[in-house]
Each structure stands twice: as structure tokens, then as C-alpha cells.
């Protein structure tokens, strides 16, 4: 079945290449969106059952606050169905 997953860790890695001084830590991001650090870790590792739109919006807002032009496309990836025909 196709799905949409968080690509937070990948995005953070890309940001560290261009502006390491402005990249938030996982702890800072968990605080910004109002979740426990363990919950944020699960989100970043795609170990959650869904994507909360409020959390996504708060993540984008935090990246904007730090000067990044983040969009949902930066934080989400579409994974097509890999079943064989």
C-alpha cells in the first residue's frame, strides 16, 4: 500500500550542510511542537501510525522562525506501493 512518511531526519541532515548554526535539535523541535522528546523521536523515525497536521504546521513554523523556507514537501515523502504485478 502506498504511504506518506515523515522525512524529518533527512531534512535536518540537508540543513546541516548549508546552515549548521541555525538547525534546531530534536529536543528544540519537540518543545516547539509540544510533544515529548520520545514522541518526536518516533515521528522522525516513522514509528507512528499517522501524521498530525498540527504538528506538521508547528514544525514548519519553527523552521520558518529560524530562517528556513520549509514547506510540507520538505518534511514528507510519498512511498509508492512496491507490490509486484
C-alpha atoms as a PDB file:
ATOM      1  CA  UNK A   1       0.000   0.000   0.000  1.00  0.00           C
ATOM      2  CA  UNK A   2       1.392   3.463  -0.805  1.00  0.00           C
ATOM      3  CA  UNK A   3       2.001   5.781   2.118  1.00  0.00           C
ATOM      4  CA  UNK A   4       3.257   9.211   3.143  1.00  0.00           C
ATOM      5  CA  UNK A   5       6.059   9.310   5.704  1.00  0.00           C
ATOM      6  CA  UNK A   6       7.944  11.970   7.640  1.00  0.00           C
ATOM      7  CA  UNK A   7      11.385  12.819   6.224  1.00  0.00           C
ATOM      8  CA  UNK A   8      12.441  14.967   9.189  1.00  0.00           C
ATOM      9  CA  UNK A   9      15.843  13.371   9.739  1.00  0.00           C
ATOM     10  CA  UNK A  10      16.750  13.643   6.060  1.00  0.00           C
ATOM     11  CA  UNK A  11      15.697  17.301   6.013  1.00  0.00           C
ATOM     12  CA  UNK A  12      17.733  18.081   9.131  1.00  0.00           C
ATOM     13  CA  UNK A  13      20.791  16.454   7.528  1.00  0.00           C
ATOM     14  CA  UNK A  14      20.365  18.619   4.433  1.00  0.00           C
ATOM     15  CA  UNK A  15      20.027  21.775   6.514  1.00  0.00           C
ATOM     16  CA  UNK A  16      23.177  20.946   8.485  1.00  0.00           C
ATOM     17  CA  UNK A  17      25.124  21.021   5.217  1.00  0.00           C
ATOM     18  CA  UNK A  18      24.087  24.601   4.417  1.00  0.00           C
ATOM     19  CA  UNK A  19      23.443  26.318   7.751  1.00  0.00           C
ATOM     20  CA  UNK A  20      24.524  24.170  10.700  1.00  0.00           C
ATOM     21  CA  UNK A  21      24.305  27.033  13.184  1.00  0.00           C
ATOM     22  CA  UNK A  22      20.553  27.516  12.624  1.00  0.00           C
ATOM     23  CA  UNK A  23      19.424  23.886  12.595  1.00  0.00           C
ATOM     24  CA  UNK A  24      17.269  23.026  15.621  1.00  0.00           C
ATOM     25  CA  UNK A  25      17.956  19.975  17.737  1.00  0.00           C
ATOM     26  CA  UNK A  26      15.397  17.235  18.186  1.00  0.00           C
ATOM     27  CA  UNK A  27      14.797  18.500  21.725  1.00  0.00           C
ATOM     28  CA  UNK A  28      14.119  22.014  20.424  1.00  0.00           C
ATOM     29  CA  UNK A  29      11.736  20.696  17.784  1.00  0.00           C
ATOM     30  CA  UNK A  30       9.853  18.500  20.254  1.00  0.00           C
ATOM     31  CA  UNK A  31       9.414  21.507  22.527  1.00  0.00           C
ATOM     32  CA  UNK A  32       8.321  23.735  19.625  1.00  0.00           C
ATOM     33  CA  UNK A  33       5.537  21.360  18.604  1.00  0.00           C
ATOM     34  CA  UNK A  34       4.571  20.447  22.150  1.00  0.00           C
ATOM     35  CA  UNK A  35       5.389  16.752  22.259  1.00  0.00           C
ATOM     36  CA  UNK A  36       7.599  14.629  24.467  1.00  0.00           C
ATOM     37  CA  UNK A  37      11.119  14.044  23.018  1.00  0.00           C
ATOM     38  CA  UNK A  38      10.365  10.323  22.785  1.00  0.00           C
ATOM     39  CA  UNK A  39       7.260  11.040  20.725  1.00  0.00           C
ATOM     40  CA  UNK A  40       9.237  13.330  18.440  1.00  0.00           C
ATOM     41  CA  UNK A  41      11.874  10.632  18.001  1.00  0.00           C
ATOM     42  CA  UNK A  42       9.167   8.163  16.987  1.00  0.00           C
ATOM     43  CA  UNK A  43       7.804  10.696  14.484  1.00  0.00           C
ATOM     44  CA  UNK A  44      11.265  11.313  12.999  1.00  0.00           C
ATOM     45  CA  UNK A  45      11.829   7.556  12.675  1.00  0.00           C
ATOM     46  CA  UNK A  46       8.390   6.943  11.130  1.00  0.00           C
ATOM     47  CA  UNK A  47       7.247   4.774  14.011  1.00  0.00           C
ATOM     48  CA  UNK A  48       3.875   6.464  14.343  1.00  0.00           C
ATOM     49  CA  UNK A  49       0.591   5.443  12.799  1.00  0.00           C
ATOM     50  CA  UNK A  50      -0.182   8.807  11.219  1.00  0.00           C
ATOM     51  CA  UNK A  51       0.852  12.359  10.577  1.00  0.00           C
ATOM     52  CA  UNK A  52      -0.695  15.032  12.756  1.00  0.00           C
ATOM     53  CA  UNK A  53      -1.318  18.147  10.637  1.00  0.00           C
ATOM     54  CA  UNK A  54      -0.991  20.425  13.652  1.00  0.00           C
ATOM     55  CA  UNK A  55       2.452  19.009  14.435  1.00  0.00           C
ATOM     56  CA  UNK A  56       3.446  19.390  10.788  1.00  0.00           C
ATOM     57  CA  UNK A  57       2.343  23.032  10.791  1.00  0.00           C
ATOM     58  CA  UNK A  58       4.224  23.732  14.017  1.00  0.00           C
ATOM     59  CA  UNK A  59       7.387  22.130  12.606  1.00  0.00           C
ATOM     60  CA  UNK A  60       7.175  24.310   9.513  1.00  0.00           C
ATOM     61  CA  UNK A  61       6.560  27.372  11.665  1.00  0.00           C
ATOM     62  CA  UNK A  62       9.664  26.606  13.752  1.00  0.00           C
ATOM     63  CA  UNK A  63      11.830  26.183  10.665  1.00  0.00           C
ATOM     64  CA  UNK A  64      10.487  29.487   9.285  1.00  0.00           C
ATOM     65  CA  UNK A  65      11.291  31.171  12.591  1.00  0.00           C
ATOM     66  CA  UNK A  66      14.872  30.014  12.155  1.00  0.00           C
ATOM     67  CA  UNK A  67      15.055  31.416   8.623  1.00  0.00           C
ATOM     68  CA  UNK A  68      14.402  28.299   6.546  1.00  0.00           C
ATOM     69  CA  UNK A  69      11.842  28.328   3.729  1.00  0.00           C
ATOM     70  CA  UNK A  70      10.384  24.962   4.714  1.00  0.00           C
ATOM     71  CA  UNK A  71       7.282  23.515   3.054  1.00  0.00           C
ATOM     72  CA  UNK A  72       5.360  20.280   3.704  1.00  0.00           C
ATOM     73  CA  UNK A  73       7.194  18.790   0.700  1.00  0.00           C
ATOM     74  CA  UNK A  74      10.467  19.145   2.604  1.00  0.00           C
ATOM     75  CA  UNK A  75       9.203  17.114   5.563  1.00  0.00           C
ATOM     76  CA  UNK A  76       7.066  14.459   3.865  1.00  0.00           C
ATOM     77  CA  UNK A  77       7.813  11.739   1.313  1.00  0.00           C
ATOM     78  CA  UNK A  78       5.465   9.641  -0.782  1.00  0.00           C
ATOM     79  CA  UNK A  79       6.379   5.951  -0.817  1.00  0.00           C
ATOM     80  CA  UNK A  80       4.649   4.138  -3.674  1.00  0.00           C
ATOM     81  CA  UNK A  81       3.285   0.617  -3.424  1.00  0.00           C
ATOM     82  CA  UNK A  82       6.132  -1.830  -4.047  1.00  0.00           C
ATOM     83  CA  UNK A  83       3.949  -4.828  -4.818  1.00  0.00           C
ATOM     84  CA  UNK A  84       4.793  -6.704  -7.980  1.00  0.00           C
ATOM     85  CA  UNK A  85       2.278  -7.160 -10.714  1.00  0.00           C
END
